Amino acid sequence: MSFACGAWLPAAACAAAGPALDIFLYLIPSAALAVLLWIASSAHPAFFVFTAAGTLCHELAHFSVGLLTNAEPVGMSVFPRRIKRPKGGHNWELGSVTFANLRWYNAAPAALAPLLVLLVPLGVAWWRTRKGLAFDPVDLAIMFFLAPQFLSFWPSPVDWKLATRSWPWAPLLALVLACWYFKDVALGLIKA
């Protein structure tokens, strides 16, 4: 089934947006399904099965970036388990990765690695919309694979806490790299 952009938006808007609009429109059903999965999984633990693909990608992102940055991952689990909340009650931990060498230089990349999971839906959407926006039966299956990725790309509160071990070194390093990369532009602005 093919959807023309011009049926929804003026031709000028379709021309200006280009492939980005097709990617955005392709991902809307997956994002909507992600919201439904989030609601269902918070209602009953049995729905965690639908988030397993996202949990696996989240933990593999930690593990892979940990390997690349010498954080030495020593353990990985993708089995949900109940944990106690600090202020009482229980919560679910869907997966975890443990590191043996988490230091100032690799804490932020290893802890914030799940942000890279967002590249999975974007890459798949780009691949499926290269020849225009069209939905085939296979896209329904792809939607069920992509929806959990939207739920798993955001780092957990524990991940953000671990990333602070790189503070202020990681932002300072990013600033230095950005200055070096854009040095010609900055020099051009200064000379003008």
Protein backbone atom coordinates (compact mmCIF):
# COMPACT_ATOMS: atom_id res chain seq x y z
CA MET A 1 0.00 0.00 0.00
CA SER A 2 1.56 3.28 -1.07
CA PHE A 3 1.01 6.62 0.63
CA ALA A 4 1.80 9.76 -1.32
CA CYS A 5 3.01 12.73 0.68
CA GLY A 6 0.93 15.05 -1.51
CA ALA A 7 -2.26 13.42 -0.22
CA TRP A 8 -1.46 14.69 3.28
CA LEU A 9 0.57 17.85 2.76
CA PRO A 10 1.02 20.55 0.14
CA ALA A 11 3.52 19.72 -2.62
CA ALA A 12 5.93 22.44 -1.42
CA ALA A 13 6.07 20.88 2.06
CA CYS A 14 6.69 17.42 0.56
CA ALA A 15 9.51 18.73 -1.62
CA ALA A 16 11.13 20.62 1.28
CA ALA A 17 10.95 17.71 3.71
CA GLY A 18 12.14 15.08 1.25
CA PRO A 19 13.12 11.65 2.59
CA ALA A 20 13.08 12.84 6.23
CA LEU A 21 9.30 13.14 6.09
CA ASP A 22 8.97 9.61 4.69
CA ILE A 23 11.16 8.30 7.51
CA PHE A 24 9.10 10.18 10.09
CA LEU A 25 5.80 8.91 8.67
CA TYR A 26 7.14 5.36 8.48
CA LEU A 27 8.08 5.41 12.17
CA ILE A 28 4.75 6.78 13.48
CA PRO A 29 3.05 3.33 13.77
CA SER A 30 6.08 1.90 15.59
CA ALA A 31 6.14 4.83 18.01
CA ALA A 32 2.40 4.44 18.65
CA LEU A 33 2.87 0.72 19.31
CA ALA A 34 5.74 1.58 21.67
CA VAL A 35 3.36 3.73 23.74
CA LEU A 36 0.87 0.86 23.90
CA LEU A 37 3.61 -1.60 24.92
CA TRP A 38 4.80 0.80 27.61
CA ILE A 39 1.30 1.08 29.06
CA ALA A 40 0.75 -2.68 28.89
CA SER A 41 4.13 -3.61 30.40
CA SER A 42 3.58 -1.25 33.32
CA ALA A 43 0.19 -2.89 33.91
CA HIS A 44 1.43 -6.49 33.98
CA PRO A 45 4.89 -8.10 33.86
CA ALA A 46 3.78 -10.63 31.22
CA PHE A 47 4.07 -7.86 28.62
CA PHE A 48 7.84 -7.66 29.19
CA VAL A 49 8.09 -10.31 26.49
CA PHE A 50 7.19 -7.66 23.91
CA THR A 51 10.01 -5.42 25.10
CA ALA A 52 12.68 -8.15 24.96
CA ALA A 53 14.14 -7.02 21.61
CA GLY A 54 14.61 -3.50 22.97
CA THR A 55 16.14 -4.75 26.22
CA LEU A 56 18.58 -6.90 24.28
CA CYS A 57 19.63 -3.96 22.09
CA HIS A 58 19.96 -1.68 25.14
CA GLU A 59 22.23 -4.11 26.98
CA LEU A 60 24.21 -4.99 23.85
CA ALA A 61 24.87 -1.28 23.34
CA HIS A 62 26.31 -1.04 26.87
CA PHE A 63 28.34 -4.20 26.33
CA SER A 64 29.69 -3.25 22.89
CA VAL A 65 30.69 0.30 23.78
CA GLY A 66 32.15 -1.03 27.04
CA LEU A 67 34.36 -3.36 25.01
CA LEU A 68 35.41 -0.57 22.64
CA THR A 69 36.25 1.86 25.45
CA ASN A 70 38.06 -0.64 27.71
CA ALA A 71 35.36 -0.62 30.41
CA GLU A 72 35.78 -4.43 30.52
CA PRO A 73 32.22 -5.76 30.65
CA VAL A 74 32.22 -8.89 32.82
CA GLY A 75 28.55 -9.80 32.93
CA MET A 76 25.32 -9.27 31.05
CA SER A 77 21.75 -10.29 31.82
CA VAL A 78 18.55 -9.76 29.86
CA PHE A 79 16.25 -11.58 32.26
CA PRO A 80 13.80 -9.36 34.18
CA ARG A 81 14.07 -9.41 37.95
CA ARG A 82 12.33 -7.57 40.77
CA ILE A 83 14.42 -5.11 42.72
CA LYS A 84 13.60 -3.06 45.80
CA ARG A 85 13.19 0.69 45.41
CA PRO A 86 15.20 2.87 47.80
CA LYS A 87 12.02 4.49 49.14
CA GLY A 88 10.05 1.26 49.45
CA GLY A 89 8.16 -0.94 47.03
CA HIS A 90 9.48 -2.91 44.10
CA ASN A 91 10.46 -2.24 40.54
CA TRP A 92 11.59 -4.35 37.59
CA GLU A 93 15.11 -4.41 36.21
CA LEU A 94 14.85 -5.72 32.65
CA GLY A 95 18.58 -6.25 32.11
CA SER A 96 22.02 -5.25 33.27
CA VAL A 97 25.68 -5.13 32.29
CA THR A 98 28.48 -5.04 34.83
CA PHE A 99 31.88 -3.49 34.16
CA ALA A 100 35.25 -4.17 35.81
CA ASN A 101 37.09 -1.05 34.59
CA LEU A 102 34.67 1.87 34.58
CA ARG A 103 36.84 5.02 34.67
CA TRP A 104 36.42 8.75 33.98
CA TYR A 105 37.21 8.36 30.27
CA ASN A 106 34.85 5.46 29.52
CA ALA A 107 31.99 5.88 32.01
CA ALA A 108 29.90 8.27 29.91
CA PRO A 109 30.29 6.39 26.60
CA ALA A 110 29.52 3.00 28.18
CA ALA A 111 26.63 4.27 30.30
CA LEU A 112 25.01 6.40 27.58
CA ALA A 113 25.54 3.86 24.78
CA PRO A 114 21.80 2.99 24.56
CA LEU A 115 21.28 6.34 22.84
CA LEU A 116 22.81 4.60 19.81
CA VAL A 117 19.83 2.21 19.76
CA LEU A 118 17.79 5.02 18.21
CA LEU A 119 19.88 4.52 15.07
CA VAL A 120 18.20 1.11 14.57
CA PRO A 121 14.68 2.47 13.84
CA LEU A 122 16.11 5.37 11.85
CA GLY A 123 18.28 3.04 9.77
CA VAL A 124 15.47 0.58 9.12
CA ALA A 125 13.07 3.41 8.22
CA TRP A 126 15.65 4.87 5.82
CA TRP A 127 16.13 1.42 4.23
CA ARG A 128 12.37 0.84 3.86
CA THR A 129 11.62 4.33 2.45
CA ARG A 130 14.48 4.69 -0.06
CA LYS A 131 12.08 4.21 -2.95
CA GLY A 132 9.24 6.16 -1.40
CA LEU A 133 6.83 5.60 1.45
CA ALA A 134 5.04 2.26 1.10
CA PHE A 135 3.70 -0.22 3.63
CA ASP A 136 3.91 -3.92 2.83
CA PRO A 137 2.91 -6.86 5.04
CA VAL A 138 6.54 -7.23 6.14
CA ASP A 139 6.36 -3.71 7.58
CA LEU A 140 3.88 -4.96 10.18
CA ALA A 141 6.50 -7.40 11.48
CA ILE A 142 9.15 -4.69 11.32
CA MET A 143 6.87 -2.42 13.36
CA PHE A 144 6.80 -5.01 16.17
CA PHE A 145 10.61 -5.13 16.11
CA LEU A 146 11.08 -1.35 16.04
CA ALA A 147 8.57 -0.43 18.75
CA PRO A 148 10.68 -1.84 21.63
CA GLN A 149 13.68 0.11 20.35
CA PHE A 150 11.82 3.34 21.10
CA LEU A 151 11.32 2.12 24.67
CA SER A 152 14.92 1.07 25.20
CA PHE A 153 17.09 3.81 23.74
CA TRP A 154 16.86 6.14 26.74
CA PRO A 155 19.50 5.43 29.45
CA SER A 156 18.14 4.43 32.84
CA PRO A 157 18.63 6.58 35.96
CA VAL A 158 21.48 4.25 36.98
CA ASP A 159 23.08 4.80 33.55
CA TRP A 160 22.91 8.59 33.97
CA LYS A 161 24.42 8.30 37.45
CA LEU A 162 27.32 6.20 36.12
CA ALA A 163 27.85 8.68 33.28
CA THR A 164 28.56 11.41 35.83
CA ARG A 165 31.88 9.71 36.57
CA SER A 166 33.07 11.29 33.33
CA TRP A 167 32.04 14.77 34.49
CA PRO A 168 33.53 17.30 33.66
CA TRP A 169 36.03 15.48 31.45
CA ALA A 170 33.65 14.13 28.79
CA PRO A 171 31.90 17.46 28.07
CA LEU A 172 35.28 19.23 28.11
CA LEU A 173 36.69 16.70 25.65
CA ALA A 174 33.58 17.09 23.43
CA LEU A 175 34.04 20.87 23.48
CA VAL A 176 37.72 20.58 22.51
CA LEU A 177 36.87 18.18 19.66
CA ALA A 178 34.07 20.48 18.43
CA CYS A 179 36.42 23.48 18.49
CA TRP A 180 39.06 21.55 16.56
CA TYR A 181 36.50 20.31 14.01
CA PHE A 182 34.95 23.75 13.45
CA LYS A 183 38.19 25.73 13.74
CA ASP A 184 38.05 26.89 10.09
CA VAL A 185 34.51 28.19 10.49
CA ALA A 186 35.43 29.96 13.74
CA LEU A 187 38.55 31.54 12.18
CA GLY A 188 36.45 32.68 9.21
CA LEU A 189 34.00 34.38 11.56
CA ILE A 190 36.79 36.06 13.50
CA LYS A 191 38.51 37.37 10.34
CA ALA A 192 35.24 38.66 8.85
